[in-house]
């Protein structure tokens, strides 16, 4: 009986999150309401509040899901037996994975617009998570110790890599119909060539 109740709660929670994503995307954070979310999820408003204290709490859970996914994909360990190109490609692809489907692209657009419109809200949400560069910094540190990367500032080097990926691929895709992997590949290859031309220890 307990397992059945837990499964039912889990299904309702999933339905609420899915409904909230759709409402946030279509209406924006400011105009979204718990009433609309309950309606979209096909669940009573009371049940929504039983699972989530507020609209902000529900929004944070959605952000949690995206950032948790990003952090898992970014948890790439340095491997001395693999090429630098292969490992850097994995970091780039983990970033791009946040926009590689229609649903994720719409969520990324929604989050970007929400954060741009409310910087204080953005700072409060983002401050709860580790910096996005931390996994790459750790990777760069080990690659430097292995004498394959040269850099005097790991943070700046990590920022430069993500600036190339985000500026060359992520941002343009946010303002188009979606990700075209075929046209993206040569850009991605060139980003890695440029980055290693500056930071590879030869």
N, C-alpha and C. Protein backbone atom coordinates (compact mmCIF):
# COMPACT_ATOMS: atom_id res chain seq x y z
N UNK A 1 0.82 -1.21 0.00
CA UNK A 1 0.00 0.00 0.00
C UNK A 1 0.86 1.27 0.00
N UNK A 2 1.91 1.24 0.84
CA UNK A 2 2.81 2.41 0.92
C UNK A 2 3.46 2.70 -0.42
N UNK A 3 3.90 1.61 -1.12
CA UNK A 3 4.54 1.78 -2.43
C UNK A 3 3.57 2.37 -3.44
N UNK A 4 2.29 1.95 -3.36
CA UNK A 4 1.27 2.47 -4.28
C UNK A 4 1.07 3.96 -4.05
N UNK A 5 1.01 4.36 -2.78
CA UNK A 5 0.84 5.77 -2.43
C UNK A 5 2.03 6.59 -2.92
N UNK A 6 3.23 6.04 -2.71
CA UNK A 6 4.44 6.74 -3.14
C UNK A 6 4.48 6.90 -4.65
N UNK A 7 4.07 5.84 -5.39
CA UNK A 7 4.03 5.92 -6.85
C UNK A 7 3.04 6.98 -7.31
N UNK A 8 1.89 7.03 -6.62
CA UNK A 8 0.86 8.01 -6.96
C UNK A 8 1.37 9.43 -6.73
N UNK A 9 2.07 9.64 -5.61
CA UNK A 9 2.64 10.95 -5.31
C UNK A 9 3.68 11.34 -6.35
N UNK A 10 4.49 10.36 -6.73
CA UNK A 10 5.54 10.60 -7.72
C UNK A 10 4.94 10.99 -9.07
N UNK A 11 3.86 10.29 -9.48
CA UNK A 11 3.20 10.60 -10.75
C UNK A 11 2.60 12.00 -10.72
N UNK A 12 2.00 12.36 -9.60
CA UNK A 12 1.40 13.69 -9.48
C UNK A 12 2.46 14.78 -9.49
N UNK A 13 3.57 14.53 -8.80
CA UNK A 13 4.67 15.49 -8.78
C UNK A 13 5.22 15.69 -10.20
N UNK A 14 5.40 14.60 -10.92
CA UNK A 14 5.89 14.68 -12.30
C UNK A 14 4.93 15.45 -13.18
N UNK A 15 3.62 15.18 -13.01
CA UNK A 15 2.60 15.87 -13.80
C UNK A 15 2.60 17.37 -13.50
N UNK A 16 2.79 17.72 -12.24
CA UNK A 16 2.83 19.13 -11.85
C UNK A 16 4.03 19.84 -12.49
N UNK A 17 5.19 19.20 -12.41
CA UNK A 17 6.41 19.80 -12.99
C UNK A 17 6.25 19.97 -14.50
N UNK A 18 5.73 18.94 -15.16
CA UNK A 18 5.51 19.01 -16.61
C UNK A 18 4.53 20.12 -16.95
N UNK A 19 3.43 20.20 -16.17
CA UNK A 19 2.45 21.26 -16.40
C UNK A 19 3.04 22.63 -16.16
N UNK A 20 3.86 22.76 -15.12
CA UNK A 20 4.50 24.05 -14.81
C UNK A 20 5.44 24.47 -15.94
N UNK A 21 6.19 23.51 -16.47
CA UNK A 21 7.10 23.83 -17.58
C UNK A 21 6.32 24.41 -18.76
N UNK A 22 5.20 23.78 -19.08
CA UNK A 22 4.39 24.24 -20.22
C UNK A 22 3.80 25.63 -19.96
N UNK A 23 3.35 25.85 -18.73
CA UNK A 23 2.75 27.15 -18.39
C UNK A 23 3.82 28.24 -18.37
N UNK A 24 4.96 27.95 -17.77
CA UNK A 24 6.03 28.94 -17.73
C UNK A 24 6.49 29.31 -19.14
N UNK A 25 6.63 28.31 -20.00
CA UNK A 25 7.08 28.56 -21.37
C UNK A 25 6.07 29.40 -22.14
N UNK A 26 4.78 29.10 -21.99
CA UNK A 26 3.75 29.80 -22.76
C UNK A 26 3.38 31.16 -22.19
N UNK A 27 3.47 31.32 -20.86
CA UNK A 27 3.00 32.56 -20.24
C UNK A 27 4.11 33.41 -19.63
N UNK A 28 5.28 32.79 -19.39
CA UNK A 28 6.34 33.51 -18.70
C UNK A 28 6.17 33.37 -17.19
N UNK A 29 7.24 33.57 -16.46
CA UNK A 29 7.19 33.37 -15.01
C UNK A 29 6.22 34.33 -14.33
N UNK A 30 6.27 35.60 -14.71
CA UNK A 30 5.47 36.63 -14.04
C UNK A 30 3.98 36.35 -14.15
N UNK A 31 3.52 35.91 -15.32
CA UNK A 31 2.08 35.73 -15.55
C UNK A 31 1.59 34.33 -15.23
N UNK A 32 2.51 33.40 -15.01
CA UNK A 32 2.10 32.05 -14.65
C UNK A 32 1.49 32.05 -13.25
N UNK A 33 0.53 31.17 -13.02
CA UNK A 33 -0.11 31.08 -11.70
C UNK A 33 -0.25 29.61 -11.31
N UNK A 34 -0.39 29.39 -10.03
CA UNK A 34 -0.58 28.02 -9.55
C UNK A 34 -1.91 27.45 -10.04
N UNK A 35 -2.90 28.33 -10.26
CA UNK A 35 -4.18 27.89 -10.81
C UNK A 35 -3.99 27.32 -12.21
N UNK A 36 -3.23 28.06 -13.04
CA UNK A 36 -2.99 27.62 -14.41
C UNK A 36 -2.17 26.33 -14.44
N UNK A 37 -1.20 26.25 -13.54
CA UNK A 37 -0.36 25.05 -13.46
C UNK A 37 -1.19 23.84 -13.05
N UNK A 38 -2.07 24.02 -12.08
CA UNK A 38 -2.94 22.93 -11.63
C UNK A 38 -3.85 22.48 -12.77
N UNK A 39 -4.39 23.47 -13.50
CA UNK A 39 -5.28 23.16 -14.63
C UNK A 39 -4.53 22.37 -15.71
N UNK A 40 -3.33 22.82 -16.04
CA UNK A 40 -2.54 22.14 -17.08
C UNK A 40 -2.15 20.72 -16.65
N UNK A 41 -1.86 20.56 -15.36
CA UNK A 41 -1.46 19.25 -14.84
C UNK A 41 -2.64 18.32 -14.62
N UNK A 42 -3.86 18.88 -14.65
CA UNK A 42 -5.05 18.07 -14.40
C UNK A 42 -5.15 17.64 -12.95
N UNK A 43 -4.69 18.52 -12.06
CA UNK A 43 -4.63 18.22 -10.62
C UNK A 43 -5.18 19.42 -9.86
N UNK A 44 -5.77 19.20 -8.70
CA UNK A 44 -6.32 20.31 -7.93
C UNK A 44 -5.21 21.23 -7.42
N UNK A 45 -5.57 22.50 -7.22
CA UNK A 45 -4.58 23.46 -6.73
C UNK A 45 -4.08 23.06 -5.34
N UNK A 46 -4.96 22.49 -4.55
CA UNK A 46 -4.57 22.03 -3.21
C UNK A 46 -3.46 20.98 -3.31
N UNK A 47 -3.60 20.07 -4.27
CA UNK A 47 -2.59 19.02 -4.46
C UNK A 47 -1.27 19.64 -4.90
N UNK A 48 -1.34 20.65 -5.76
CA UNK A 48 -0.12 21.33 -6.21
C UNK A 48 0.60 21.92 -5.00
N UNK A 49 -0.15 22.57 -4.11
CA UNK A 49 0.46 23.17 -2.92
C UNK A 49 0.94 22.12 -1.92
N UNK A 50 0.36 20.94 -1.97
CA UNK A 50 0.86 19.85 -1.11
C UNK A 50 2.26 19.42 -1.52
N UNK A 51 2.58 19.60 -2.80
CA UNK A 51 3.88 19.20 -3.33
C UNK A 51 4.87 20.37 -3.37
N UNK A 52 4.36 21.57 -3.63
CA UNK A 52 5.24 22.74 -3.79
C UNK A 52 4.66 23.92 -3.03
N UNK A 53 5.51 24.58 -2.26
CA UNK A 53 5.05 25.66 -1.38
C UNK A 53 4.59 26.88 -2.14
N UNK A 54 5.23 27.16 -3.28
CA UNK A 54 4.93 28.39 -4.01
C UNK A 54 5.35 28.25 -5.48
N UNK A 55 4.98 29.23 -6.26
CA UNK A 55 5.38 29.26 -7.67
C UNK A 55 6.90 29.34 -7.78
N UNK A 56 7.52 30.12 -6.91
CA UNK A 56 8.98 30.25 -6.94
C UNK A 56 9.64 28.91 -6.59
N UNK A 57 9.10 28.21 -5.63
CA UNK A 57 9.63 26.90 -5.25
C UNK A 57 9.55 25.93 -6.43
N UNK A 58 8.42 25.96 -7.14
CA UNK A 58 8.23 25.10 -8.31
C UNK A 58 9.20 25.48 -9.43
N UNK A 59 9.40 26.76 -9.62
CA UNK A 59 10.35 27.24 -10.62
C UNK A 59 11.77 26.75 -10.29
N UNK A 60 12.12 26.83 -9.00
CA UNK A 60 13.45 26.40 -8.58
C UNK A 60 13.66 24.92 -8.82
N UNK A 61 12.61 24.11 -8.65
CA UNK A 61 12.71 22.68 -8.91
C UNK A 61 13.01 22.42 -10.38
N UNK A 62 12.38 23.20 -11.26
CA UNK A 62 12.63 23.06 -12.69
C UNK A 62 14.07 23.46 -13.03
N UNK A 63 14.53 24.56 -12.43
CA UNK A 63 15.93 24.98 -12.64
C UNK A 63 16.87 23.91 -12.09
N UNK A 64 16.53 23.37 -10.91
CA UNK A 64 17.33 22.30 -10.32
C UNK A 64 17.52 21.16 -11.31
N UNK A 65 16.43 20.78 -11.96
CA UNK A 65 16.49 19.66 -12.90
C UNK A 65 17.43 19.92 -14.05
N UNK A 66 17.35 21.14 -14.61
CA UNK A 66 18.23 21.49 -15.73
C UNK A 66 19.69 21.57 -15.30
N UNK A 67 19.94 22.23 -14.18
CA UNK A 67 21.32 22.40 -13.73
C UNK A 67 21.91 21.09 -13.24
N UNK A 68 21.08 20.26 -12.63
CA UNK A 68 21.57 18.95 -12.19
C UNK A 68 21.97 18.11 -13.39
N UNK A 69 21.16 18.18 -14.43
CA UNK A 69 21.48 17.45 -15.66
C UNK A 69 22.79 17.97 -16.25
N UNK A 70 22.94 19.30 -16.26
CA UNK A 70 24.16 19.90 -16.80
C UNK A 70 25.38 19.48 -16.00
N UNK A 71 25.25 19.48 -14.67
CA UNK A 71 26.39 19.12 -13.81
C UNK A 71 26.78 17.66 -13.98
N UNK A 72 25.79 16.79 -14.17
CA UNK A 72 26.09 15.37 -14.39
C UNK A 72 26.84 15.19 -15.70
N UNK A 73 26.37 15.88 -16.73
CA UNK A 73 27.02 15.76 -18.04
C UNK A 73 28.41 16.38 -18.03
N UNK A 74 28.58 17.40 -17.17
CA UNK A 74 29.86 18.11 -17.11
C UNK A 74 30.88 17.42 -16.20
N UNK A 75 30.47 16.37 -15.52
CA UNK A 75 31.38 15.70 -14.59
C UNK A 75 32.34 14.79 -15.35
N UNK A 76 33.11 15.42 -16.24
CA UNK A 76 34.05 14.70 -17.11
C UNK A 76 35.42 14.69 -16.44
N UNK A 77 35.97 13.51 -16.25
CA UNK A 77 37.27 13.37 -15.60
C UNK A 77 38.39 13.38 -16.64
N UNK A 78 39.49 14.00 -16.27
CA UNK A 78 40.64 14.02 -17.18
C UNK A 78 41.16 12.60 -17.40
N UNK A 79 41.48 12.30 -18.65
CA UNK A 79 41.97 10.96 -19.01
C UNK A 79 43.21 11.13 -19.88
N UNK A 80 44.35 10.76 -19.34
CA UNK A 80 45.62 10.94 -20.06
C UNK A 80 45.72 10.07 -21.30
N UNK A 81 44.88 9.05 -21.43
CA UNK A 81 44.93 8.15 -22.58
C UNK A 81 44.09 8.65 -23.75
N UNK A 82 43.27 9.68 -23.51
CA UNK A 82 42.41 10.21 -24.57
C UNK A 82 42.95 11.53 -25.10
N UNK A 83 42.60 11.84 -26.33
CA UNK A 83 43.06 13.10 -26.92
C UNK A 83 42.37 14.27 -26.24
N UNK A 84 43.02 15.42 -26.26
CA UNK A 84 42.42 16.63 -25.69
C UNK A 84 41.17 17.00 -26.49
N UNK A 85 41.23 16.81 -27.80
CA UNK A 85 40.08 17.12 -28.65
C UNK A 85 38.84 16.34 -28.21
N UNK A 86 39.02 15.05 -27.99
CA UNK A 86 37.89 14.20 -27.60
C UNK A 86 37.29 14.64 -26.27
N UNK A 87 38.13 14.98 -25.33
CA UNK A 87 37.65 15.35 -24.01
C UNK A 87 36.99 16.73 -24.01
N UNK A 88 37.57 17.67 -24.76
CA UNK A 88 36.96 19.00 -24.85
C UNK A 88 35.64 18.94 -25.61
N UNK A 89 35.56 18.06 -26.59
CA UNK A 89 34.30 17.88 -27.31
C UNK A 89 33.20 17.42 -26.37
N UNK A 90 33.55 16.56 -25.42
CA UNK A 90 32.57 16.08 -24.43
C UNK A 90 32.04 17.24 -23.59
N UNK A 91 32.93 18.17 -23.19
CA UNK A 91 32.48 19.34 -22.43
C UNK A 91 31.55 20.20 -23.28
N UNK A 92 31.93 20.42 -24.53
CA UNK A 92 31.11 21.24 -25.42
C UNK A 92 29.75 20.61 -25.66
N UNK A 93 29.73 19.32 -25.87
CA UNK A 93 28.47 18.62 -26.14
C UNK A 93 27.56 18.60 -24.91
N UNK A 94 28.16 18.59 -23.72
CA UNK A 94 27.33 18.63 -22.51
C UNK A 94 26.63 19.98 -22.38
N UNK A 95 27.30 21.04 -22.81
CA UNK A 95 26.68 22.37 -22.83
C UNK A 95 25.57 22.42 -23.88
N UNK A 96 25.86 21.91 -25.05
CA UNK A 96 24.90 21.95 -26.15
C UNK A 96 23.69 21.06 -25.86
N UNK A 97 23.87 20.04 -25.03
CA UNK A 97 22.77 19.12 -24.73
C UNK A 97 21.59 19.82 -24.06
N UNK A 98 21.82 20.99 -23.51
CA UNK A 98 20.74 21.73 -22.85
C UNK A 98 19.80 22.38 -23.85
N UNK A 99 20.17 22.35 -25.14
CA UNK A 99 19.31 22.95 -26.17
C UNK A 99 19.09 22.00 -27.35
N UNK A 100 19.35 20.70 -27.14
CA UNK A 100 19.31 19.78 -28.28
C UNK A 100 17.96 19.14 -28.54
N UNK A 101 16.92 19.63 -27.89
CA UNK A 101 15.56 19.18 -28.19
C UNK A 101 14.64 20.39 -28.08
N UNK A 102 13.47 20.29 -28.70
CA UNK A 102 12.54 21.41 -28.70
C UNK A 102 12.16 21.82 -27.27
N UNK A 103 11.89 20.83 -26.41
CA UNK A 103 11.48 21.13 -25.04
C UNK A 103 12.60 21.82 -24.26
N UNK A 104 13.81 21.28 -24.37
CA UNK A 104 14.94 21.88 -23.63
C UNK A 104 15.27 23.26 -24.17
N UNK A 105 15.14 23.44 -25.48
CA UNK A 105 15.40 24.75 -26.07
C UNK A 105 14.39 25.78 -25.56
N UNK A 106 13.12 25.39 -25.51
CA UNK A 106 12.08 26.30 -25.01
C UNK A 106 12.31 26.64 -23.54
N UNK A 107 12.72 25.65 -22.75
CA UNK A 107 13.00 25.91 -21.34
C UNK A 107 14.20 26.84 -21.19
N UNK A 108 15.23 26.62 -21.99
CA UNK A 108 16.42 27.48 -21.94
C UNK A 108 16.08 28.91 -22.32
N UNK A 109 15.24 29.07 -23.33
CA UNK A 109 14.81 30.42 -23.72
C UNK A 109 14.05 31.08 -22.57
N UNK A 110 13.13 30.31 -21.99
CA UNK A 110 12.32 30.83 -20.88
C UNK A 110 13.20 31.26 -19.71
N UNK A 111 14.16 30.41 -19.33
CA UNK A 111 15.03 30.73 -18.21
C UNK A 111 15.90 31.95 -18.52
N UNK A 112 16.40 32.02 -19.74
CA UNK A 112 17.24 33.16 -20.14
C UNK A 112 16.46 34.46 -20.03
N UNK A 113 15.24 34.49 -20.56
CA UNK A 113 14.43 35.71 -20.52
C UNK A 113 14.04 36.07 -19.09
N UNK A 114 13.71 35.06 -18.30
CA UNK A 114 13.34 35.30 -16.90
C UNK A 114 14.50 35.93 -16.14
N UNK A 115 15.68 35.38 -16.31
CA UNK A 115 16.86 35.89 -15.60
C UNK A 115 17.26 37.28 -16.08
N UNK A 116 17.11 37.53 -17.39
CA UNK A 116 17.45 38.85 -17.93
C UNK A 116 16.50 39.92 -17.40
N UNK A 117 15.25 39.54 -17.19
CA UNK A 117 14.24 40.50 -16.72
C UNK A 117 14.28 40.73 -15.21
N UNK A 118 14.90 39.83 -14.48
CA UNK A 118 14.96 39.97 -13.01
C UNK A 118 16.32 39.50 -12.53
N UNK A 119 17.30 40.41 -12.50
CA UNK A 119 18.65 40.04 -12.16
C UNK A 119 18.80 39.61 -10.70
N UNK A 120 18.01 40.20 -9.82
CA UNK A 120 18.07 39.83 -8.41
C UNK A 120 17.58 38.38 -8.23
N UNK A 121 16.51 38.06 -8.91
CA UNK A 121 15.96 36.70 -8.89
C UNK A 121 17.00 35.74 -9.46
N UNK A 122 17.65 36.13 -10.55
CA UNK A 122 18.68 35.30 -11.18
C UNK A 122 19.83 35.04 -10.22
N UNK A 123 20.29 36.07 -9.54
CA UNK A 123 21.41 35.92 -8.60
C UNK A 123 21.03 34.99 -7.45
N UNK A 124 19.79 35.12 -6.97
CA UNK A 124 19.34 34.29 -5.84
C UNK A 124 19.26 32.82 -6.24
N UNK A 125 18.79 32.55 -7.44
CA UNK A 125 18.66 31.17 -7.90
C UNK A 125 20.03 30.57 -8.20
N UNK A 126 20.82 31.27 -8.99
CA UNK A 126 22.11 30.74 -9.46
C UNK A 126 23.11 30.59 -8.32
N UNK A 127 23.01 31.44 -7.29
CA UNK A 127 23.97 31.39 -6.18
C UNK A 127 23.90 30.08 -5.40
N UNK A 128 22.84 29.32 -5.58
CA UNK A 128 22.69 28.06 -4.84
C UNK A 128 23.50 26.92 -5.46
N UNK A 129 24.04 27.16 -6.64
CA UNK A 129 24.70 26.08 -7.37
C UNK A 129 26.19 26.35 -7.55
N UNK A 130 26.98 25.28 -7.72
CA UNK A 130 28.42 25.46 -7.98
C UNK A 130 28.61 26.20 -9.30
N UNK A 131 29.69 26.96 -9.45
CA UNK A 131 29.96 27.65 -10.72
C UNK A 131 30.02 26.66 -11.87
N UNK A 132 29.50 27.06 -13.03
CA UNK A 132 29.43 26.16 -14.18
C UNK A 132 30.82 25.74 -14.68
N UNK A 133 31.85 26.55 -14.32
CA UNK A 133 33.19 26.27 -14.84
C UNK A 133 33.98 25.26 -14.00
N UNK A 134 33.46 24.87 -12.84
CA UNK A 134 34.28 24.14 -11.89
C UNK A 134 34.79 22.80 -12.44
N UNK A 135 33.95 22.07 -13.17
CA UNK A 135 34.38 20.77 -13.71
C UNK A 135 35.48 20.95 -14.74
N UNK A 136 35.33 21.95 -15.60
CA UNK A 136 36.36 22.21 -16.61
C UNK A 136 37.65 22.71 -15.96
N UNK A 137 37.53 23.51 -14.93
CA UNK A 137 38.72 23.98 -14.21
C UNK A 137 39.50 22.80 -13.65
N UNK A 138 38.79 21.86 -13.04
CA UNK A 138 39.46 20.66 -12.50
C UNK A 138 40.13 19.86 -13.61
N UNK A 139 39.45 19.76 -14.74
CA UNK A 139 40.02 19.04 -15.89
C UNK A 139 41.28 19.75 -16.39
N UNK A 140 41.20 21.06 -16.52
CA UNK A 140 42.35 21.84 -16.99
C UNK A 140 43.53 21.71 -16.04
N UNK A 141 43.24 21.70 -14.74
CA UNK A 141 44.30 21.57 -13.74
C UNK A 141 45.07 20.26 -13.93
N UNK A 142 44.33 19.17 -14.14
CA UNK A 142 44.99 17.88 -14.32
C UNK A 142 45.72 17.81 -15.67
N UNK A 143 45.13 18.40 -16.69
CA UNK A 143 45.78 18.42 -18.01
C UNK A 143 47.06 19.26 -17.96
N UNK A 144 47.04 20.32 -17.17
CA UNK A 144 48.24 21.14 -17.01
C UNK A 144 49.32 20.37 -16.25
N UNK A 145 48.92 19.68 -15.18
CA UNK A 145 49.88 18.88 -14.42
C UNK A 145 50.48 17.76 -15.27
N UNK A 146 49.71 17.32 -16.26
CA UNK A 146 50.17 16.29 -17.19
C UNK A 146 50.97 16.90 -18.36
N UNK A 147 51.17 18.23 -18.29
CA UNK A 147 51.96 18.99 -19.27
C UNK A 147 51.37 18.92 -20.68
N UNK A 148 50.02 18.88 -20.75
CA UNK A 148 49.37 18.89 -22.05
C UNK A 148 48.64 20.20 -22.32
N UNK A 149 48.40 20.96 -21.24
CA UNK A 149 47.77 22.28 -21.35
C UNK A 149 48.67 23.30 -20.67
N UNK A 150 48.79 24.49 -21.27
CA UNK A 150 49.56 25.56 -20.66
C UNK A 150 48.62 26.74 -20.37
N UNK A 151 48.60 27.17 -19.14
CA UNK A 151 47.78 28.31 -18.74
C UNK A 151 48.27 28.84 -17.40
N UNK A 152 48.17 30.16 -17.24
CA UNK A 152 48.53 30.79 -15.96
C UNK A 152 47.30 31.09 -15.12
N UNK A 153 46.12 30.91 -15.72
CA UNK A 153 44.89 31.22 -15.00
C UNK A 153 43.80 30.24 -15.44
N UNK A 154 43.53 29.25 -14.59
CA UNK A 154 42.58 28.20 -14.94
C UNK A 154 41.17 28.74 -15.16
N UNK A 155 40.75 29.68 -14.32
CA UNK A 155 39.40 30.23 -14.44
C UNK A 155 39.23 30.96 -15.77
N UNK A 156 40.18 31.82 -16.09
CA UNK A 156 40.10 32.56 -17.35
C UNK A 156 40.08 31.60 -18.55
N UNK A 157 40.90 30.57 -18.48
CA UNK A 157 40.95 29.58 -19.56
C UNK A 157 39.61 28.86 -19.72
N UNK A 158 38.99 28.48 -18.60
CA UNK A 158 37.68 27.83 -18.65
C UNK A 158 36.62 28.78 -19.21
N UNK A 159 36.67 30.04 -18.79
CA UNK A 159 35.72 31.03 -19.29
C UNK A 159 35.88 31.21 -20.80
N UNK A 160 37.11 31.23 -21.27
CA UNK A 160 37.35 31.39 -22.70
C UNK A 160 36.73 30.22 -23.49
N UNK A 161 36.86 29.02 -22.96
CA UNK A 161 36.30 27.86 -23.67
C UNK A 161 34.78 27.98 -23.75
N UNK A 162 34.15 28.25 -22.62
CA UNK A 162 32.69 28.33 -22.63
C UNK A 162 32.19 29.55 -23.40
N UNK A 163 32.98 30.61 -23.42
CA UNK A 163 32.59 31.78 -24.21
C UNK A 163 32.54 31.43 -25.69
N UNK A 164 33.48 30.63 -26.15
CA UNK A 164 33.48 30.19 -27.54
C UNK A 164 32.27 29.31 -27.86
N UNK A 165 31.99 28.36 -26.95
CA UNK A 165 30.87 27.44 -27.19
C UNK A 165 29.53 28.17 -27.11
N UNK A 166 29.35 28.95 -26.05
CA UNK A 166 28.07 29.65 -25.86
C UNK A 166 27.87 30.71 -26.92
N UNK A 167 28.94 31.49 -27.20
CA UNK A 167 28.82 32.54 -28.20
C UNK A 167 28.69 32.01 -29.61
N UNK A 168 29.36 30.91 -29.90
CA UNK A 168 29.33 30.37 -31.26
C UNK A 168 28.16 29.47 -31.56
N UNK A 169 27.61 28.83 -30.52
CA UNK A 169 26.54 27.85 -30.76
C UNK A 169 25.29 28.12 -29.92
N UNK A 170 25.44 28.17 -28.59
CA UNK A 170 24.25 28.24 -27.72
C UNK A 170 23.39 29.47 -28.00
N UNK A 171 24.00 30.65 -27.95
CA UNK A 171 23.22 31.88 -28.14
C UNK A 171 22.57 31.96 -29.51
N UNK A 172 23.30 31.68 -30.60
CA UNK A 172 22.63 31.71 -31.91
C UNK A 172 21.44 30.75 -31.99
N UNK A 173 21.57 29.56 -31.39
CA UNK A 173 20.47 28.58 -31.44
C UNK A 173 19.26 29.07 -30.67
N UNK A 174 19.47 29.80 -29.58
CA UNK A 174 18.35 30.32 -28.79
C UNK A 174 17.44 31.22 -29.61
N UNK A 175 17.99 31.83 -30.66
CA UNK A 175 17.20 32.77 -31.47
C UNK A 175 16.87 32.23 -32.85
N UNK A 176 16.99 30.92 -33.01
CA UNK A 176 16.62 30.28 -34.27
C UNK A 176 15.60 29.18 -34.00
N UNK A 177 15.31 28.40 -35.02
CA UNK A 177 14.31 27.34 -34.90
C UNK A 177 14.79 26.14 -34.09
N UNK A 178 16.10 26.03 -33.89
CA UNK A 178 16.61 24.90 -33.13
C UNK A 178 18.00 24.50 -33.58
N UNK A 179 18.52 23.49 -32.92
CA UNK A 179 19.89 23.04 -33.18
C UNK A 179 19.95 22.17 -34.42
N UNK A 180 20.87 22.53 -35.32
CA UNK A 180 21.15 21.72 -36.50
C UNK A 180 22.54 21.14 -36.33
N UNK A 181 22.61 19.88 -35.94
CA UNK A 181 23.90 19.28 -35.60
C UNK A 181 24.87 19.24 -36.77
N UNK A 182 24.33 19.10 -37.98
CA UNK A 182 25.19 19.04 -39.16
C UNK A 182 25.91 20.37 -39.38
N UNK A 183 25.18 21.49 -39.26
CA UNK A 183 25.80 22.80 -39.48
C UNK A 183 26.61 23.24 -38.26
N UNK A 184 26.30 22.66 -37.10
CA UNK A 184 27.01 23.01 -35.86
C UNK A 184 28.38 22.36 -35.78
N UNK A 185 28.53 21.17 -36.37
CA UNK A 185 29.77 20.41 -36.24
C UNK A 185 31.02 21.18 -36.68
N UNK A 186 31.04 21.81 -37.87
CA UNK A 186 32.25 22.54 -38.24
C UNK A 186 32.58 23.70 -37.30
N UNK A 187 31.55 24.32 -36.73
CA UNK A 187 31.78 25.40 -35.77
C UNK A 187 32.41 24.84 -34.51
N UNK A 188 31.89 23.72 -34.05
CA UNK A 188 32.41 23.06 -32.85
C UNK A 188 33.86 22.62 -33.07
N UNK A 189 34.13 22.05 -34.22
CA UNK A 189 35.50 21.63 -34.53
C UNK A 189 36.46 22.82 -34.52
N UNK A 190 36.01 23.93 -35.09
CA UNK A 190 36.86 25.12 -35.16
C UNK A 190 37.10 25.71 -33.77
N UNK A 191 36.09 25.67 -32.92
CA UNK A 191 36.23 26.16 -31.54
C UNK A 191 37.34 25.40 -30.83
N UNK A 192 37.34 24.10 -30.96
CA UNK A 192 38.34 23.27 -30.28
C UNK A 192 39.73 23.51 -30.87
N UNK A 193 39.81 23.68 -32.19
CA UNK A 193 41.10 23.98 -32.84
C UNK A 193 41.64 25.31 -32.32
N UNK A 194 40.80 26.33 -32.28
CA UNK A 194 41.21 27.65 -31.80
C UNK A 194 41.67 27.60 -30.34
N UNK A 195 40.88 26.91 -29.52
CA UNK A 195 41.19 26.83 -28.09
C UNK A 195 42.54 26.14 -27.88
N UNK A 196 42.76 25.03 -28.55
CA UNK A 196 44.01 24.30 -28.37
C UNK A 196 45.20 25.00 -29.01
N UNK A 197 44.95 25.79 -30.03
CA UNK A 197 46.04 26.57 -30.62
C UNK A 197 46.61 27.55 -29.61
N UNK A 198 45.76 28.00 -28.70
CA UNK A 198 46.21 28.91 -27.64
C UNK A 198 46.71 28.20 -26.40
N UNK A 199 46.09 27.09 -26.01
CA UNK A 199 46.37 26.51 -24.70
C UNK A 199 47.05 25.13 -24.72
N UNK A 200 47.20 24.50 -25.87
CA UNK A 200 47.90 23.23 -25.88
C UNK A 200 49.38 23.44 -25.59
N UNK A 201 49.92 22.60 -24.76
CA UNK A 201 51.36 22.68 -24.42
C UNK A 201 52.14 21.85 -25.44
N UNK A 202 52.83 22.52 -26.33
CA UNK A 202 53.55 21.82 -27.40
C UNK A 202 55.05 21.71 -27.10
